[in-house]
C-alpha atoms as a PDB file:
ATOM      1  CA  MET A   1      19.349  39.625  29.479  1.00  0.00           C
ATOM      2  CA  SER A   2      17.154  38.547  32.383  1.00  0.00           C
ATOM      3  CA  VAL A   3      18.857  37.005  34.922  1.00  0.00           C
ATOM      4  CA  PHE A   4      18.263  34.670  38.095  1.00  0.00           C
ATOM      5  CA  GLU A   5      17.918  36.194  40.632  1.00  0.00           C
ATOM      6  CA  SER A   6      19.038  33.172  43.205  1.00  0.00           C
ATOM      7  CA  PRO A   7      20.013  29.296  43.010  1.00  0.00           C
ATOM      8  CA  THR A   8      16.546  29.139  44.028  1.00  0.00           C
ATOM      9  CA  ALA A   9      14.864  30.683  41.333  1.00  0.00           C
ATOM     10  CA  VAL A  10      17.016  28.153  38.811  1.00  0.00           C
ATOM     11  CA  ALA A  11      16.022  25.279  40.528  1.00  0.00           C
ATOM     12  CA  ALA A  12      12.378  26.255  39.667  1.00  0.00           C
ATOM     13  CA  LYS A  13      13.261  26.024  36.208  1.00  0.00           C
ATOM     14  CA  ILE A  14      14.542  22.704  36.733  1.00  0.00           C
ATOM     15  CA  ILE A  15      12.788  19.662  36.060  1.00  0.00           C
ATOM     16  CA  VAL A  16      14.458  16.032  37.516  1.00  0.00           C
ATOM     17  CA  ALA A  17      13.909  13.017  35.699  1.00  0.00           C
ATOM     18  CA  LEU A  18      12.551  10.742  38.566  1.00  0.00           C
ATOM     19  CA  ASP A  19      13.779   7.647  35.960  1.00  0.00           C
ATOM     20  CA  VAL A  20      13.431   4.905  38.376  1.00  0.00           C
ATOM     21  CA  PRO A  21      11.619   1.514  38.704  1.00  0.00           C
ATOM     22  CA  THR A  22       9.720   1.721  42.199  1.00  0.00           C
ATOM     23  CA  LEU A  23       7.864   3.720  44.171  1.00  0.00           C
ATOM     24  CA  SER A  24      10.148   3.533  46.722  1.00  0.00           C
ATOM     25  CA  GLU A  25      13.157   4.099  45.008  1.00  0.00           C
ATOM     26  CA  ALA A  26      11.062   7.587  44.057  1.00  0.00           C
ATOM     27  CA  ILE A  27      10.353   8.278  47.025  1.00  0.00           C
ATOM     28  CA  ALA A  28      13.832   7.326  48.390  1.00  0.00           C
ATOM     29  CA  THR A  29      15.137   9.636  45.858  1.00  0.00           C
ATOM     30  CA  LEU A  30      12.565  12.903  46.940  1.00  0.00           C
ATOM     31  CA  LYS A  31      14.068  12.541  50.417  1.00  0.00           C
ATOM     32  CA  ALA A  32      17.764  12.769  49.288  1.00  0.00           C
ATOM     33  CA  LEU A  33      16.984  16.172  47.131  1.00  0.00           C
ATOM     34  CA  PRO A  34      14.730  18.043  48.577  1.00  0.00           C
ATOM     35  CA  GLN A  35      15.877  21.122  47.145  1.00  0.00           C
ATOM     36  CA  VAL A  36      13.692  19.649  43.526  1.00  0.00           C
ATOM     37  CA  GLN A  37      10.306  21.471  43.366  1.00  0.00           C
ATOM     38  CA  PHE A  38       9.785  20.273  39.817  1.00  0.00           C
ATOM     39  CA  TRP A  39      10.214  16.203  39.147  1.00  0.00           C
ATOM     40  CA  LYS A  40       9.234  14.654  35.724  1.00  0.00           C
ATOM     41  CA  VAL A  41       7.309  11.222  35.769  1.00  0.00           C
ATOM     42  CA  GLY A  42       7.653   8.851  32.637  1.00  0.00           C
ATOM     43  CA  LEU A  43       6.073   5.551  31.134  1.00  0.00           C
ATOM     44  CA  GLU A  44       8.545   3.551  33.329  1.00  0.00           C
ATOM     45  CA  LEU A  45       7.564   4.975  36.755  1.00  0.00           C
ATOM     46  CA  PHE A  46       3.701   5.750  35.516  1.00  0.00           C
ATOM     47  CA  CYS A  47       3.815   2.319  34.606  1.00  0.00           C
ATOM     48  CA  ALA A  48       5.493   0.835  37.311  1.00  0.00           C
ATOM     49  CA  THR A  49       3.209   2.329  40.265  1.00  0.00           C
ATOM     50  CA  GLY A  50       0.035   4.164  38.590  1.00  0.00           C
ATOM     51  CA  PRO A  51      -0.960   7.679  39.668  1.00  0.00           C
ATOM     52  CA  ALA A  52       0.173   6.660  43.778  1.00  0.00           C
ATOM     53  CA  ILE A  53       3.758   8.445  42.871  1.00  0.00           C
ATOM     54  CA  LEU A  54       1.803  11.385  41.737  1.00  0.00           C
ATOM     55  CA  GLU A  55      -0.325  11.573  45.167  1.00  0.00           C
ATOM     56  CA  VAL A  56       2.998  11.087  46.292  1.00  0.00           C
ATOM     57  CA  LEU A  57       4.445  14.278  44.807  1.00  0.00           C
ATOM     58  CA  LYS A  58       1.395  16.122  45.558  1.00  0.00           C
ATOM     59  CA  ALA A  59       1.673  15.733  49.277  1.00  0.00           C
ATOM     60  CA  GLU A  60       5.257  17.206  49.092  1.00  0.00           C
ATOM     61  CA  GLU A  61       4.156  20.269  46.916  1.00  0.00           C
ATOM     62  CA  LYS A  62       5.771  19.231  44.377  1.00  0.00           C
ATOM     63  CA  ARG A  63       5.072  19.994  40.818  1.00  0.00           C
ATOM     64  CA  ILE A  64       4.723  17.441  37.850  1.00  0.00           C
ATOM     65  CA  PHE A  65       5.256  17.109  34.511  1.00  0.00           C
ATOM     66  CA  LEU A  66       3.734  13.858  34.049  1.00  0.00           C
ATOM     67  CA  ASP A  67       5.864  12.604  30.486  1.00  0.00           C
ATOM     68  CA  LEU A  68       3.574   9.837  29.154  1.00  0.00           C
ATOM     69  CA  LYS A  69       3.948  11.339  25.006  1.00  0.00           C
ATOM     70  CA  LEU A  70       0.188  10.528  24.165  1.00  0.00           C
ATOM     71  CA  HIS A  71       0.220   9.794  20.324  1.00  0.00           C
ATOM     72  CA  ASP A  72      -3.151   7.801  19.139  1.00  0.00           C
ATOM     73  CA  ILE A  73      -6.140   8.570  17.283  1.00  0.00           C
ATOM     74  CA  PRO A  74      -7.850  11.913  18.348  1.00  0.00           C
ATOM     75  CA  ASN A  75     -10.856   9.608  20.558  1.00  0.00           C
ATOM     76  CA  THR A  76      -8.365   7.783  22.320  1.00  0.00           C
ATOM     77  CA  VAL A  77      -6.016  11.073  23.670  1.00  0.00           C
ATOM     78  CA  ALA A  78      -9.017  13.156  24.403  1.00  0.00           C
ATOM     79  CA  ALA A  79     -10.144  10.362  26.635  1.00  0.00           C
ATOM     80  CA  ALA A  80      -6.644   9.736  28.474  1.00  0.00           C
ATOM     81  CA  ALA A  81      -6.414  13.571  29.042  1.00  0.00           C
ATOM     82  CA  ARG A  82      -9.664  13.718  30.868  1.00  0.00           C
ATOM     83  CA  ALA A  83      -8.704  10.198  32.853  1.00  0.00           C
ATOM     84  CA  ILE A  84      -5.299  12.864  33.737  1.00  0.00           C
ATOM     85  CA  ALA A  85      -7.112  15.475  34.159  1.00  0.00           C
ATOM     86  CA  PRO A  86      -8.086  15.095  38.087  1.00  0.00           C
ATOM     87  CA  PHE A  87      -4.667  14.258  38.960  1.00  0.00           C
ATOM     88  CA  GLY A  88      -4.019  18.304  38.484  1.00  0.00           C
ATOM     89  CA  VAL A  89      -0.178  18.012  37.217  1.00  0.00           C
ATOM     90  CA  ASP A  90       1.690  20.755  35.839  1.00  0.00           C
ATOM     91  CA  PHE A  91       2.562  19.243  32.229  1.00  0.00           C
ATOM     92  CA  LEU A  92       1.300  16.588  30.395  1.00  0.00           C
ATOM     93  CA  THR A  93       3.040  15.520  26.963  1.00  0.00           C
ATOM     94  CA  ILE A  94       1.296  14.214  23.626  1.00  0.00           C
ATOM     95  CA  HIS A  95       3.142  13.777  20.156  1.00  0.00           C
ATOM     96  CA  THR A  96       2.609  16.413  17.545  1.00  0.00           C
ATOM     97  CA  ALA A  97       2.757  13.551  15.271  1.00  0.00           C
ATOM     98  CA  THR A  98      -0.292  12.481  16.652  1.00  0.00           C
ATOM     99  CA  GLY A  99      -1.408  15.406  14.278  1.00  0.00           C
ATOM    100  CA  LEU A 100      -4.063  18.458  14.832  1.00  0.00           C
ATOM    101  CA  ALA A 101      -7.451  17.230  15.352  1.00  0.00           C
ATOM    102  CA  GLY A 102      -5.773  15.028  17.930  1.00  0.00           C
ATOM    103  CA  LEU A 103      -3.580  17.954  19.589  1.00  0.00           C
ATOM    104  CA  GLN A 104      -6.918  19.457  19.621  1.00  0.00           C
ATOM    105  CA  ALA A 105      -9.011  16.998  21.321  1.00  0.00           C
ATOM    106  CA  ALA A 106      -6.794  16.207  23.742  1.00  0.00           C
ATOM    107  CA  GLN A 107      -6.509  19.900  24.413  1.00  0.00           C
ATOM    108  CA  VAL A 108      -9.976  20.565  24.915  1.00  0.00           C
ATOM    109  CA  ALA A 109     -10.098  17.627  27.364  1.00  0.00           C
ATOM    110  CA  LEU A 110      -7.886  19.351  29.166  1.00  0.00           C
ATOM    111  CA  ALA A 111      -9.731  22.873  28.950  1.00  0.00           C
ATOM    112  CA  HIS A 112     -10.287  24.769  32.913  1.00  0.00           C
ATOM    113  CA  THR A 113      -7.985  22.606  34.570  1.00  0.00           C
ATOM    114  CA  PRO A 114      -4.225  23.309  35.535  1.00  0.00           C
ATOM    115  CA  THR A 115      -2.924  21.266  33.150  1.00  0.00           C
ATOM    116  CA  GLN A 116      -0.462  22.764  30.390  1.00  0.00           C
ATOM    117  CA  LEU A 117      -0.250  20.118  27.400  1.00  0.00           C
ATOM    118  CA  LEU A 118       3.248  20.279  26.162  1.00  0.00           C
ATOM    119  CA  GLY A 119       3.512  18.495  22.356  1.00  0.00           C
ATOM    120  CA  VAL A 120       6.701  16.656  22.109  1.00  0.00           C
ATOM    121  CA  THR A 121       8.136  18.014  18.458  1.00  0.00           C
ATOM    122  CA  LEU A 122      10.967  15.796  17.971  1.00  0.00           C
ATOM    123  CA  LEU A 123      12.880  12.989  20.447  1.00  0.00           C
ATOM    124  CA  THR A 124      16.207  14.071  21.048  1.00  0.00           C
ATOM    125  CA  SER A 125      17.423  10.742  20.788  1.00  0.00           C
ATOM    126  CA  ILE A 126      16.992  10.946  16.933  1.00  0.00           C
ATOM    127  CA  ASP A 127      19.491  13.191  14.755  1.00  0.00           C
ATOM    128  CA  ALA A 128      19.420  14.309  11.819  1.00  0.00           C
ATOM    129  CA  VAL A 129      20.914  10.896   9.540  1.00  0.00           C
ATOM    130  CA  THR A 130      17.825   8.875  12.228  1.00  0.00           C
ATOM    131  CA  LEU A 131      15.115  11.368  11.144  1.00  0.00           C
ATOM    132  CA  ARG A 132      16.284  10.778   6.874  1.00  0.00           C
ATOM    133  CA  THR A 133      17.029   7.321   6.905  1.00  0.00           C
ATOM    134  CA  GLN A 134      14.682   5.348   9.580  1.00  0.00           C
ATOM    135  CA  LEU A 135      11.875   8.011   9.689  1.00  0.00           C
ATOM    136  CA  GLN A 136      11.950   8.452   5.821  1.00  0.00           C
ATOM    137  CA  CYS A 137      11.522  12.106   6.296  1.00  0.00           C
ATOM    138  CA  ASP A 138      13.616  14.472   3.913  1.00  0.00           C
ATOM    139  CA  LEU A 139      13.127  17.828   6.301  1.00  0.00           C
ATOM    140  CA  GLU A 140      16.167  19.111   8.572  1.00  0.00           C
ATOM    141  CA  VAL A 141      15.826  18.910  11.585  1.00  0.00           C
ATOM    142  CA  PRO A 142      15.153  22.556  12.372  1.00  0.00           C
ATOM    143  CA  THR A 143      12.549  22.739   9.739  1.00  0.00           C
ATOM    144  CA  TYR A 144      10.870  19.499  11.032  1.00  0.00           C
ATOM    145  CA  VAL A 145      10.472  20.920  14.513  1.00  0.00           C
ATOM    146  CA  LYS A 146       9.314  24.275  13.196  1.00  0.00           C
ATOM    147  CA  ARG A 147       6.389  22.305  11.531  1.00  0.00           C
ATOM    148  CA  MET A 148       5.674  20.275  14.145  1.00  0.00           C
ATOM    149  CA  THR A 149       5.646  23.896  16.786  1.00  0.00           C
ATOM    150  CA  SER A 150       3.482  24.897  14.493  1.00  0.00           C
ATOM    151  CA  LEU A 151       0.443  22.342  14.393  1.00  0.00           C
ATOM    152  CA  ALA A 152       1.298  22.239  18.737  1.00  0.00           C
ATOM    153  CA  TYR A 153       0.553  26.898  18.147  1.00  0.00           C
ATOM    154  CA  GLU A 154      -2.146  26.234  16.156  1.00  0.00           C
ATOM    155  CA  ALA A 155      -3.734  23.830  18.713  1.00  0.00           C
ATOM    156  CA  GLY A 156      -4.028  25.626  21.527  1.00  0.00           C
ATOM    157  CA  LEU A 157      -1.053  23.793  23.458  1.00  0.00           C
ATOM    158  CA  GLY A 158       0.812  25.786  25.616  1.00  0.00           C
ATOM    159  CA  GLY A 159       4.218  25.139  24.515  1.00  0.00           C
ATOM    160  CA  ILE A 160       6.589  21.834  23.281  1.00  0.00           C
ATOM    161  CA  VAL A 161       9.014  19.889  24.168  1.00  0.00           C
ATOM    162  CA  CYS A 162      12.348  20.524  22.118  1.00  0.00           C
ATOM    163  CA  SER A 163      15.906  19.953  21.655  1.00  0.00           C
ATOM    164  CA  ALA A 164      17.993  23.266  22.914  1.00  0.00           C
ATOM    165  CA  GLN A 165      19.446  23.253  19.854  1.00  0.00           C
ATOM    166  CA  GLU A 166      15.814  23.933  18.294  1.00  0.00           C
ATOM    167  CA  ALA A 167      14.880  26.986  21.419  1.00  0.00           C
ATOM    168  CA  ALA A 168      15.648  30.030  20.361  1.00  0.00           C
ATOM    169  CA  GLN A 169      14.134  29.621  16.511  1.00  0.00           C
ATOM    170  CA  ILE A 170      10.828  28.591  18.270  1.00  0.00           C
ATOM    171  CA  LYS A 171      11.160  31.777  20.930  1.00  0.00           C
ATOM    172  CA  THR A 172      11.731  34.160  18.219  1.00  0.00           C
ATOM    173  CA  LEU A 173       8.809  32.647  15.840  1.00  0.00           C
ATOM    174  CA  TRP A 174       6.384  32.008  19.063  1.00  0.00           C
ATOM    175  CA  GLY A 175       7.243  34.128  21.657  1.00  0.00           C
ATOM    176  CA  GLU A 176       8.474  33.780  25.564  1.00  0.00           C
ATOM    177  CA  SER A 177       4.882  32.510  26.625  1.00  0.00           C
ATOM    178  CA  PHE A 178       4.624  29.838  24.454  1.00  0.00           C
ATOM    179  CA  LEU A 179       6.972  27.295  26.909  1.00  0.00           C
ATOM    180  CA  ARG A 180       9.829  25.565  25.465  1.00  0.00           C
ATOM    181  CA  VAL A 181      11.122  22.225  27.564  1.00  0.00           C
ATOM    182  CA  CYS A 182      14.000  20.857  26.590  1.00  0.00           C
ATOM    183  CA  PRO A 183      15.406  17.613  27.652  1.00  0.00           C
ATOM    184  CA  GLY A 184      18.387  15.797  26.660  1.00  0.00           C
ATOM    185  CA  ILE A 185      20.364  18.285  29.051  1.00  0.00           C
ATOM    186  CA  ARG A 186      24.021  17.299  29.609  1.00  0.00           C
ATOM    187  CA  PRO A 187      26.630  18.920  31.978  1.00  0.00           C
ATOM    188  CA  THR A 188      30.009  19.685  30.824  1.00  0.00           C
ATOM    189  CA  GLY A 189      31.673  16.114  31.428  1.00  0.00           C
ATOM    190  CA  THR A 190      29.017  13.817  31.845  1.00  0.00           C
ATOM    191  CA  ALA A 191      28.178  11.452  28.774  1.00  0.00           C
ATOM    192  CA  THR A 192      25.726  12.192  26.247  1.00  0.00           C
ATOM    193  CA  ALA A 193      24.677   8.170  26.094  1.00  0.00           C
ATOM    194  CA  ASP A 194      21.486   8.146  24.150  1.00  0.00           C
ATOM    195  CA  GLN A 195      20.980  11.847  23.488  1.00  0.00           C
ATOM    196  CA  ALA A 196      21.873  13.072  19.825  1.00  0.00           C
ATOM    197  CA  ARG A 197      21.064  16.361  20.051  1.00  0.00           C
ATOM    198  CA  SER A 198      21.929  17.753  23.402  1.00  0.00           C
ATOM    199  CA  LEU A 199      23.496  21.224  25.095  1.00  0.00           C
ATOM    200  CA  THR A 200      24.703  21.925  28.913  1.00  0.00           C
ATOM    201  CA  PRO A 201      22.672  23.615  30.953  1.00  0.00           C
ATOM    202  CA  GLU A 202      24.237  27.191  30.398  1.00  0.00           C
ATOM    203  CA  ALA A 203      24.185  26.725  27.238  1.00  0.00           C
ATOM    204  CA  ALA A 204      20.177  25.271  27.002  1.00  0.00           C
ATOM    205  CA  PHE A 205      18.867  28.649  29.218  1.00  0.00           C
ATOM    206  CA  ALA A 206      21.140  31.176  27.117  1.00  0.00           C
ATOM    207  CA  ALA A 207      19.393  29.277  23.977  1.00  0.00           C
ATOM    208  CA  GLY A 208      15.990  30.218  25.213  1.00  0.00           C
ATOM    209  CA  ALA A 209      14.742  26.852  27.141  1.00  0.00           C
ATOM    210  CA  SER A 210      12.037  27.818  29.529  1.00  0.00           C
ATOM    211  CA  TYR A 211      12.415  24.730  31.676  1.00  0.00           C
ATOM    212  CA  LEU A 212      15.361  21.968  30.914  1.00  0.00           C
ATOM    213  CA  VAL A 213      14.809  18.339  32.121  1.00  0.00           C
ATOM    214  CA  ILE A 214      17.816  16.472  33.651  1.00  0.00           C
ATOM    215  CA  GLY A 215      18.103  12.937  34.740  1.00  0.00           C
ATOM    216  CA  ARG A 216      21.081  10.965  34.488  1.00  0.00           C
ATOM    217  CA  PRO A 217      23.565  13.770  35.356  1.00  0.00           C
ATOM    218  CA  ILE A 218      21.830  14.175  38.816  1.00  0.00           C
ATOM    219  CA  LEU A 219      20.251  10.813  39.820  1.00  0.00           C
ATOM    220  CA  THR A 220      23.471   8.996  39.162  1.00  0.00           C
ATOM    221  CA  ALA A 221      25.926  11.193  40.261  1.00  0.00           C
ATOM    222  CA  PRO A 222      28.212  10.105  43.109  1.00  0.00           C
ATOM    223  CA  ASP A 223      26.413  13.002  45.411  1.00  0.00           C
ATOM    224  CA  PRO A 224      22.466  13.879  43.651  1.00  0.00           C
ATOM    225  CA  ALA A 225      22.295  16.710  46.183  1.00  0.00           C
ATOM    226  CA  GLN A 226      25.228  18.282  44.842  1.00  0.00           C
ATOM    227  CA  ALA A 227      25.244  17.518  41.089  1.00  0.00           C
ATOM    228  CA  PHE A 228      22.068  19.735  41.037  1.00  0.00           C
ATOM    229  CA  ALA A 229      23.519  22.224  43.055  1.00  0.00           C
ATOM    230  CA  ASP A 230      26.104  22.719  41.199  1.00  0.00           C
ATOM    231  CA  ILE A 231      24.049  22.596  38.150  1.00  0.00           C
ATOM    232  CA  CYS A 232      22.114  25.415  39.516  1.00  0.00           C
ATOM    233  CA  GLN A 233      24.534  27.606  40.627  1.00  0.00           C
ATOM    234  CA  ARG A 234      26.642  27.055  37.358  1.00  0.00           C
ATOM    235  CA  CYS A 235      23.181  28.268  35.906  1.00  0.00           C
ATOM    236  CA  LEU A 236      23.396  31.418  38.119  1.00  0.00           C
ATOM    237  CA  THR A 237      26.547  32.293  37.227  1.00  0.00           C
ATOM    238  CA  GLU A 238      26.228  32.278  33.637  1.00  0.00           C
ATOM    239  CA  LYS A 239      23.177  34.312  33.493  1.00  0.00           C
ATOM    240  CA  ARG A 240      25.236  36.845  35.254  1.00  0.00           C
ATOM    241  CA  ASP A 241      28.377  36.881  33.052  1.00  0.00           C
ATOM    242  CA  ALA A 242      25.543  37.240  30.267  1.00  0.00           C
ATOM    243  CA  SER A 243      24.637  40.596  31.113  1.00  0.00           C
ATOM    244  CA  PRO A 244      25.090  43.876  30.307  1.00  0.00           C
END
């Protein structure tokens, strides 16, 4: 098994969710966590600030995961992707439930840009019971995620967003280069809150996650910088311990 060479190498694979409501709070968070290299901008912050937060992150030479979860008819998701393309974000998300035509349209709109389109397979807040009773889908969660992943792969996307619990299956079936970005990560001793399908950072990397998305366990910690450093160190130690 490969190992991370340093905490910095681990840090490059951890995307911190910048889930704050204002630009001023976002900037303060960036200053409090200068060692974070990769940030997620979600619906709340993007709706509050628009492209301004992307410009701030670009100025700080940070990588950007723009998690807008596009979900609409093919023409509309393609138009949205074209509008986002000039910002040069690293990752952009779209719901795989948009369907193959919508996924392909958005992917074509991002052709020849640095942005990788990621398909959201199933929100990590949704468990097997919710999938069956509320969404009226009789498939088991791993089977549903596999089906949604196949759509993303067929459409030419760069990877998917999935629970770390499904990462190993996806890595085996579609290979290392097809990215597996895993939210719902909860370090040992932290509350799972609304995350129904979660793993610890160490377990998630061991399961085959390419990147982790971690928000509240870092941002709400008494010392966010120390919480981030601790996570990186635990992942580094876990990888070394697991090596032959």
